[in-house]
Amino acid sequence: MLSPGFARFFGLFLLTGCVSSHTALVQGAALPPPPDPMVRHSAPLWVNLVPGVSPSTCVEPAGNRPLCSDGLDQALAGSLERSLWPSFPRVAAVGRHDDPAAGDYVLTLELTLDALPPGSGGPGWAALGRGNWRLSRDGAALANEDVESRSRAEFAYGRALGAGASEVVDAIELHIAMALGAMPETKPDRPSPLPAVVAKTHTPTRPLQTASK
């Protein structure tokens, strides 16, 4: 059994460990759809974030406390859903409410964030994002690309770097949205013809005239 004094010391040690790292929140901006005309696709798009895109990822540059970026997965999935809805009939994360069906598109996305110290890029810290995206349909690969983006080097180390990480996420997300929005549709919808509609126009009737007194 732990003595009261050692228990207090051990509790203080745990508390110190919990607060010894910085936390930077990653938030995707409400970006509009890409400016170029987007191809209309016939099937939903499912965003599959691999395990590496976790709710919280941490790095520890030499001589600095760990820096944890929170909300990376939600920022990526939310930004893609907002940007790609004009091009796909539905955009959703795999496993959130449902899973892909035959003929659906699947976007598999990997992304890691890092912190770059001040240097030739600017006076402050910068966020660096590296990853890969792959688009497939019914198990067949349609596109595959490595991506990288670096934020402005103007941030203090710690919470402020969340703004730089958010810039990186938005830049990569917009690039992916533009690439997917321009891809041709290989299985266009072929809707069945609708039956004819018979329309008969009615002449509006005049309102009844009331006798004047």
C-alpha atoms as a PDB file:
ATOM      1  CA  MET A   1       0.000   0.000   0.000  1.00  0.00           C
ATOM      2  CA  LEU A   2       1.350   3.462  -0.903  1.00  0.00           C
ATOM      3  CA  SER A   3       2.100   5.845   1.928  1.00  0.00           C
ATOM      4  CA  PRO A   4       0.104   9.142   1.901  1.00  0.00           C
ATOM      5  CA  GLY A   5       3.262  11.141   1.143  1.00  0.00           C
ATOM      6  CA  PHE A   6       4.300   8.929  -1.769  1.00  0.00           C
ATOM      7  CA  ALA A   7       0.746   8.919  -3.107  1.00  0.00           C
ATOM      8  CA  ARG A   8       0.723  12.736  -3.167  1.00  0.00           C
ATOM      9  CA  PHE A   9       4.124  12.757  -4.899  1.00  0.00           C
ATOM     10  CA  PHE A  10       2.970  10.163  -7.464  1.00  0.00           C
ATOM     11  CA  GLY A  11      -0.224  12.137  -8.162  1.00  0.00           C
ATOM     12  CA  LEU A  12       1.792  15.322  -8.672  1.00  0.00           C
ATOM     13  CA  PHE A  13       4.127  13.443 -11.042  1.00  0.00           C
ATOM     14  CA  LEU A  14       1.175  12.261 -13.157  1.00  0.00           C
ATOM     15  CA  LEU A  15      -0.339  15.737 -13.218  1.00  0.00           C
ATOM     16  CA  THR A  16       2.983  17.251 -14.301  1.00  0.00           C
ATOM     17  CA  GLY A  17       3.292  14.702 -17.086  1.00  0.00           C
ATOM     18  CA  CYS A  18      -0.209  15.488 -18.340  1.00  0.00           C
ATOM     19  CA  VAL A  19       0.439  19.205 -18.653  1.00  0.00           C
ATOM     20  CA  SER A  20       4.029  19.014 -19.922  1.00  0.00           C
ATOM     21  CA  SER A  21       3.004  19.077 -23.593  1.00  0.00           C
ATOM     22  CA  HIS A  22       1.513  21.784 -25.806  1.00  0.00           C
ATOM     23  CA  THR A  23      -1.834  21.302 -27.529  1.00  0.00           C
ATOM     24  CA  ALA A  24      -2.615  22.896 -30.892  1.00  0.00           C
ATOM     25  CA  LEU A  25      -6.167  22.642 -32.225  1.00  0.00           C
ATOM     26  CA  VAL A  26      -6.508  21.914 -35.950  1.00  0.00           C
ATOM     27  CA  GLN A  27      -9.643  23.412 -37.507  1.00  0.00           C
ATOM     28  CA  GLY A  28     -10.682  23.235 -41.142  1.00  0.00           C
ATOM     29  CA  ALA A  29     -12.047  26.479 -42.536  1.00  0.00           C
ATOM     30  CA  ALA A  30     -15.468  26.635 -44.207  1.00  0.00           C
ATOM     31  CA  LEU A  31     -13.931  26.858 -47.650  1.00  0.00           C
ATOM     32  CA  PRO A  32     -16.197  27.232 -50.696  1.00  0.00           C
ATOM     33  CA  PRO A  33     -16.171  24.527 -53.397  1.00  0.00           C
ATOM     34  CA  PRO A  34     -13.233  24.708 -55.827  1.00  0.00           C
ATOM     35  CA  PRO A  35     -13.654  27.508 -58.393  1.00  0.00           C
ATOM     36  CA  ASP A  36     -13.251  25.327 -61.493  1.00  0.00           C
ATOM     37  CA  PRO A  37     -16.339  23.542 -62.910  1.00  0.00           C
ATOM     38  CA  MET A  38     -16.690  20.195 -61.135  1.00  0.00           C
ATOM     39  CA  VAL A  39     -17.624  16.911 -62.812  1.00  0.00           C
ATOM     40  CA  ARG A  40     -20.885  15.444 -61.614  1.00  0.00           C
ATOM     41  CA  HIS A  41     -20.248  11.901 -60.395  1.00  0.00           C
ATOM     42  CA  SER A  42     -22.893   9.223 -60.179  1.00  0.00           C
ATOM     43  CA  ALA A  43     -21.875   7.506 -56.921  1.00  0.00           C
ATOM     44  CA  PRO A  44     -21.159   8.583 -53.325  1.00  0.00           C
ATOM     45  CA  LEU A  45     -17.627   9.247 -52.105  1.00  0.00           C
ATOM     46  CA  TRP A  46     -16.422   7.672 -48.859  1.00  0.00           C
ATOM     47  CA  VAL A  47     -13.472   9.195 -46.997  1.00  0.00           C
ATOM     48  CA  ASN A  48     -11.314   6.527 -45.363  1.00  0.00           C
ATOM     49  CA  LEU A  49      -8.848   8.039 -42.884  1.00  0.00           C
ATOM     50  CA  VAL A  50      -6.139   5.483 -42.155  1.00  0.00           C
ATOM     51  CA  PRO A  51      -5.176   4.904 -38.495  1.00  0.00           C
ATOM     52  CA  GLY A  52      -2.308   7.379 -38.838  1.00  0.00           C
ATOM     53  CA  VAL A  53      -4.852  10.231 -39.087  1.00  0.00           C
ATOM     54  CA  SER A  54      -5.814  10.059 -35.430  1.00  0.00           C
ATOM     55  CA  PRO A  55      -7.722  12.581 -33.295  1.00  0.00           C
ATOM     56  CA  SER A  56      -4.423  13.615 -31.675  1.00  0.00           C
ATOM     57  CA  THR A  57      -0.917  13.317 -33.113  1.00  0.00           C
ATOM     58  CA  CYS A  58       2.202  14.444 -31.250  1.00  0.00           C
ATOM     59  CA  VAL A  59       5.720  15.465 -32.266  1.00  0.00           C
ATOM     60  CA  GLU A  60       8.677  16.394 -30.070  1.00  0.00           C
ATOM     61  CA  PRO A  61      11.289  18.607 -31.770  1.00  0.00           C
ATOM     62  CA  ALA A  62      14.732  18.533 -30.166  1.00  0.00           C
ATOM     63  CA  GLY A  63      14.901  20.657 -27.040  1.00  0.00           C
ATOM     64  CA  ASN A  64      11.144  21.329 -26.917  1.00  0.00           C
ATOM     65  CA  ARG A  65       8.169  19.902 -25.130  1.00  0.00           C
ATOM     66  CA  PRO A  66       5.883  17.578 -27.114  1.00  0.00           C
ATOM     67  CA  LEU A  67       3.343  19.317 -29.366  1.00  0.00           C
ATOM     68  CA  CYS A  68       0.035  17.520 -29.927  1.00  0.00           C
ATOM     69  CA  SER A  69      -2.279  18.491 -32.785  1.00  0.00           C
ATOM     70  CA  ASP A  70      -5.894  17.789 -31.834  1.00  0.00           C
ATOM     71  CA  GLY A  71      -8.833  17.428 -34.215  1.00  0.00           C
ATOM     72  CA  LEU A  72      -6.891  16.501 -37.376  1.00  0.00           C
ATOM     73  CA  ASP A  73      -9.297  13.723 -38.365  1.00  0.00           C
ATOM     74  CA  GLN A  74     -12.431  15.844 -37.918  1.00  0.00           C
ATOM     75  CA  ALA A  75     -10.893  18.806 -39.740  1.00  0.00           C
ATOM     76  CA  LEU A  76      -9.972  16.676 -42.764  1.00  0.00           C
ATOM     77  CA  ALA A  77     -13.248  14.784 -43.018  1.00  0.00           C
ATOM     78  CA  GLY A  78     -15.389  17.876 -42.446  1.00  0.00           C
ATOM     79  CA  SER A  79     -13.528  20.010 -44.982  1.00  0.00           C
ATOM     80  CA  LEU A  80     -13.750  17.326 -47.678  1.00  0.00           C
ATOM     81  CA  GLU A  81     -17.469  16.848 -47.085  1.00  0.00           C
ATOM     82  CA  ARG A  82     -18.085  20.585 -47.504  1.00  0.00           C
ATOM     83  CA  SER A  83     -15.904  20.981 -50.593  1.00  0.00           C
ATOM     84  CA  LEU A  84     -16.938  17.904 -52.588  1.00  0.00           C
ATOM     85  CA  TRP A  85     -20.718  17.875 -52.218  1.00  0.00           C
ATOM     86  CA  PRO A  86     -21.249  19.615 -55.617  1.00  0.00           C
ATOM     87  CA  SER A  87     -19.330  16.802 -57.370  1.00  0.00           C
ATOM     88  CA  PHE A  88     -20.616  13.709 -55.554  1.00  0.00           C
ATOM     89  CA  PRO A  89     -24.188  12.914 -54.504  1.00  0.00           C
ATOM     90  CA  ARG A  90     -22.940  12.128 -50.998  1.00  0.00           C
ATOM     91  CA  VAL A  91     -19.640  12.550 -49.139  1.00  0.00           C
ATOM     92  CA  ALA A  92     -19.216  10.790 -45.803  1.00  0.00           C
ATOM     93  CA  ALA A  93     -16.567   9.153 -43.625  1.00  0.00           C
ATOM     94  CA  VAL A  94     -16.297   5.375 -43.735  1.00  0.00           C
ATOM     95  CA  GLY A  95     -17.925   3.769 -40.732  1.00  0.00           C
ATOM     96  CA  ARG A  96     -19.494   6.948 -39.376  1.00  0.00           C
ATOM     97  CA  HIS A  97     -23.030   5.994 -40.346  1.00  0.00           C
ATOM     98  CA  ASP A  98     -22.592   3.436 -43.133  1.00  0.00           C
ATOM     99  CA  ASP A  99     -20.031   1.765 -45.369  1.00  0.00           C
ATOM    100  CA  PRO A 100     -19.339   1.821 -49.128  1.00  0.00           C
ATOM    101  CA  ALA A 101     -21.521  -0.185 -51.477  1.00  0.00           C
ATOM    102  CA  ALA A 102     -20.660  -1.644 -54.865  1.00  0.00           C
ATOM    103  CA  GLY A 103     -19.848   1.141 -57.322  1.00  0.00           C
ATOM    104  CA  ASP A 104     -19.073   3.757 -54.657  1.00  0.00           C
ATOM    105  CA  TYR A 105     -15.868   5.800 -54.637  1.00  0.00           C
ATOM    106  CA  VAL A 106     -13.421   5.411 -51.720  1.00  0.00           C
ATOM    107  CA  LEU A 107     -10.842   8.090 -50.914  1.00  0.00           C
ATOM    108  CA  THR A 108      -8.109   6.683 -48.654  1.00  0.00           C
ATOM    109  CA  LEU A 109      -6.176   9.484 -47.012  1.00  0.00           C
ATOM    110  CA  GLU A 110      -2.974   9.541 -44.961  1.00  0.00           C
ATOM    111  CA  LEU A 111      -1.617  12.741 -43.408  1.00  0.00           C
ATOM    112  CA  THR A 112       0.952  13.552 -40.739  1.00  0.00           C
ATOM    113  CA  LEU A 113       1.828  16.929 -39.234  1.00  0.00           C
ATOM    114  CA  ASP A 114       5.236  18.142 -38.118  1.00  0.00           C
ATOM    115  CA  ALA A 115       6.678  21.353 -36.637  1.00  0.00           C
ATOM    116  CA  LEU A 116       9.581  23.109 -38.372  1.00  0.00           C
ATOM    117  CA  PRO A 117      11.839  25.437 -36.326  1.00  0.00           C
ATOM    118  CA  PRO A 118      12.680  28.999 -37.379  1.00  0.00           C
ATOM    119  CA  GLY A 119      15.169  29.186 -40.206  1.00  0.00           C
ATOM    120  CA  SER A 120      15.416  30.265 -43.802  1.00  0.00           C
ATOM    121  CA  GLY A 121      11.653  30.086 -44.239  1.00  0.00           C
ATOM    122  CA  GLY A 122      10.919  32.824 -41.711  1.00  0.00           C
ATOM    123  CA  PRO A 123      11.383  34.055 -38.158  1.00  0.00           C
ATOM    124  CA  GLY A 124       8.913  31.684 -36.534  1.00  0.00           C
ATOM    125  CA  TRP A 125       7.809  28.060 -36.463  1.00  0.00           C
ATOM    126  CA  ALA A 126       5.929  26.485 -39.376  1.00  0.00           C
ATOM    127  CA  ALA A 127       3.624  23.487 -39.719  1.00  0.00           C
ATOM    128  CA  LEU A 128       4.434  20.818 -42.280  1.00  0.00           C
ATOM    129  CA  GLY A 129       1.910  18.337 -43.627  1.00  0.00           C
ATOM    130  CA  ARG A 130       2.865  15.229 -45.602  1.00  0.00           C
ATOM    131  CA  GLY A 131       0.580  12.524 -46.850  1.00  0.00           C
ATOM    132  CA  ASN A 132      -0.889  10.454 -49.632  1.00  0.00           C
ATOM    133  CA  TRP A 133      -4.346  10.060 -51.114  1.00  0.00           C
ATOM    134  CA  ARG A 134      -5.726   7.217 -53.218  1.00  0.00           C
ATOM    135  CA  LEU A 135      -9.040   7.055 -55.021  1.00  0.00           C
ATOM    136  CA  SER A 136     -10.526   3.659 -55.801  1.00  0.00           C
ATOM    137  CA  ARG A 137     -13.788   2.177 -57.034  1.00  0.00           C
ATOM    138  CA  ASP A 138     -14.762  -1.461 -56.642  1.00  0.00           C
ATOM    139  CA  GLY A 139     -11.177  -2.218 -55.616  1.00  0.00           C
ATOM    140  CA  ALA A 140      -9.622  -0.664 -58.732  1.00  0.00           C
ATOM    141  CA  ALA A 141      -7.193   2.253 -58.247  1.00  0.00           C
ATOM    142  CA  LEU A 142      -8.186   5.408 -60.130  1.00  0.00           C
ATOM    143  CA  ALA A 143      -5.645   7.939 -58.812  1.00  0.00           C
ATOM    144  CA  ASN A 144      -2.768   8.063 -56.336  1.00  0.00           C
ATOM    145  CA  GLU A 145      -0.745  11.095 -55.256  1.00  0.00           C
ATOM    146  CA  ASP A 146       1.741  12.161 -52.580  1.00  0.00           C
ATOM    147  CA  VAL A 147       1.080  15.624 -51.146  1.00  0.00           C
ATOM    148  CA  GLU A 148       3.048  18.074 -49.014  1.00  0.00           C
ATOM    149  CA  SER A 149       2.356  21.584 -47.781  1.00  0.00           C
ATOM    150  CA  ARG A 150       4.146  24.020 -45.467  1.00  0.00           C
ATOM    151  CA  SER A 151       2.521  26.900 -43.602  1.00  0.00           C
ATOM    152  CA  ARG A 152       3.900  30.388 -43.040  1.00  0.00           C
ATOM    153  CA  ALA A 153       6.907  30.415 -40.699  1.00  0.00           C
ATOM    154  CA  GLU A 154       5.416  33.047 -38.415  1.00  0.00           C
ATOM    155  CA  PHE A 155       4.102  31.140 -35.409  1.00  0.00           C
ATOM    156  CA  ALA A 156       5.278  30.727 -31.847  1.00  0.00           C
ATOM    157  CA  TYR A 157       5.888  27.159 -30.719  1.00  0.00           C
ATOM    158  CA  GLY A 158       2.850  25.683 -28.995  1.00  0.00           C
ATOM    159  CA  ARG A 159      -0.845  26.444 -29.275  1.00  0.00           C
ATOM    160  CA  ALA A 160      -0.285  29.116 -31.940  1.00  0.00           C
ATOM    161  CA  LEU A 161       0.979  26.471 -34.371  1.00  0.00           C
ATOM    162  CA  GLY A 162      -2.588  25.173 -34.592  1.00  0.00           C
ATOM    163  CA  ALA A 163      -3.291  28.032 -37.004  1.00  0.00           C
ATOM    164  CA  GLY A 164      -0.387  26.927 -39.199  1.00  0.00           C
ATOM    165  CA  ALA A 165      -1.549  23.313 -39.113  1.00  0.00           C
ATOM    166  CA  SER A 166      -5.041  24.445 -40.081  1.00  0.00           C
ATOM    167  CA  GLU A 167      -3.590  26.308 -43.088  1.00  0.00           C
ATOM    168  CA  VAL A 168      -1.814  23.134 -44.189  1.00  0.00           C
ATOM    169  CA  VAL A 169      -4.947  21.001 -43.835  1.00  0.00           C
ATOM    170  CA  ASP A 170      -7.021  23.499 -45.820  1.00  0.00           C
ATOM    171  CA  ALA A 171      -4.412  23.695 -48.597  1.00  0.00           C
ATOM    172  CA  ILE A 172      -4.125  19.910 -48.965  1.00  0.00           C
ATOM    173  CA  GLU A 173      -7.885  19.410 -48.712  1.00  0.00           C
ATOM    174  CA  LEU A 174      -8.554  21.993 -51.426  1.00  0.00           C
ATOM    175  CA  HIS A 175      -5.932  20.415 -53.691  1.00  0.00           C
ATOM    176  CA  ILE A 176      -7.567  16.991 -53.293  1.00  0.00           C
ATOM    177  CA  ALA A 177     -11.038  18.424 -53.877  1.00  0.00           C
ATOM    178  CA  MET A 178      -9.929  20.073 -57.127  1.00  0.00           C
ATOM    179  CA  ALA A 179      -8.285  16.846 -58.324  1.00  0.00           C
ATOM    180  CA  LEU A 180     -11.325  14.686 -57.557  1.00  0.00           C
ATOM    181  CA  GLY A 181     -13.765  17.250 -58.895  1.00  0.00           C
ATOM    182  CA  ALA A 182     -12.006  17.164 -62.285  1.00  0.00           C
ATOM    183  CA  MET A 183     -11.914  13.373 -62.642  1.00  0.00           C
ATOM    184  CA  PRO A 184     -14.185  11.999 -65.389  1.00  0.00           C
ATOM    185  CA  GLU A 185     -17.150   9.840 -64.495  1.00  0.00           C
ATOM    186  CA  THR A 186     -16.693   6.358 -65.977  1.00  0.00           C
ATOM    187  CA  LYS A 187     -20.129   5.031 -65.033  1.00  0.00           C
ATOM    188  CA  PRO A 188     -22.594   7.835 -65.706  1.00  0.00           C
ATOM    189  CA  ASP A 189     -26.171   7.529 -64.599  1.00  0.00           C
ATOM    190  CA  ARG A 190     -28.553   6.147 -67.195  1.00  0.00           C
ATOM    191  CA  PRO A 191     -31.940   6.950 -65.724  1.00  0.00           C
ATOM    192  CA  SER A 192     -35.021   5.241 -67.105  1.00  0.00           C
ATOM    193  CA  PRO A 193     -37.143   7.540 -69.255  1.00  0.00           C
ATOM    194  CA  LEU A 194     -40.024   9.112 -67.384  1.00  0.00           C
ATOM    195  CA  PRO A 195     -43.602   8.851 -68.652  1.00  0.00           C
ATOM    196  CA  ALA A 196     -45.065  11.733 -70.600  1.00  0.00           C
ATOM    197  CA  VAL A 197     -46.995  14.390 -68.756  1.00  0.00           C
ATOM    198  CA  VAL A 198     -50.237  15.824 -70.159  1.00  0.00           C
ATOM    199  CA  ALA A 199     -50.760  19.422 -69.095  1.00  0.00           C
ATOM    200  CA  LYS A 200     -53.834  21.566 -69.599  1.00  0.00           C
ATOM    201  CA  THR A 201     -53.614  25.277 -68.999  1.00  0.00           C
ATOM    202  CA  HIS A 202     -56.579  26.921 -67.284  1.00  0.00           C
ATOM    203  CA  THR A 203     -57.588  30.512 -67.991  1.00  0.00           C
ATOM    204  CA  PRO A 204     -57.815  32.475 -64.759  1.00  0.00           C
ATOM    205  CA  THR A 205     -61.393  33.470 -63.947  1.00  0.00           C
ATOM    206  CA  ARG A 206     -62.272  37.058 -63.194  1.00  0.00           C
ATOM    207  CA  PRO A 207     -63.296  37.833 -59.654  1.00  0.00           C
ATOM    208  CA  LEU A 208     -66.987  38.484 -59.107  1.00  0.00           C
ATOM    209  CA  GLN A 209     -67.986  42.152 -59.378  1.00  0.00           C
ATOM    210  CA  THR A 210     -69.957  43.473 -56.447  1.00  0.00           C
ATOM    211  CA  ALA A 211     -72.773  45.898 -57.209  1.00  0.00           C
ATOM    212  CA  SER A 212     -71.974  49.456 -56.243  1.00  0.00           C
ATOM    213  CA  LYS A 213     -74.430  51.245 -53.987  1.00  0.00           C
END
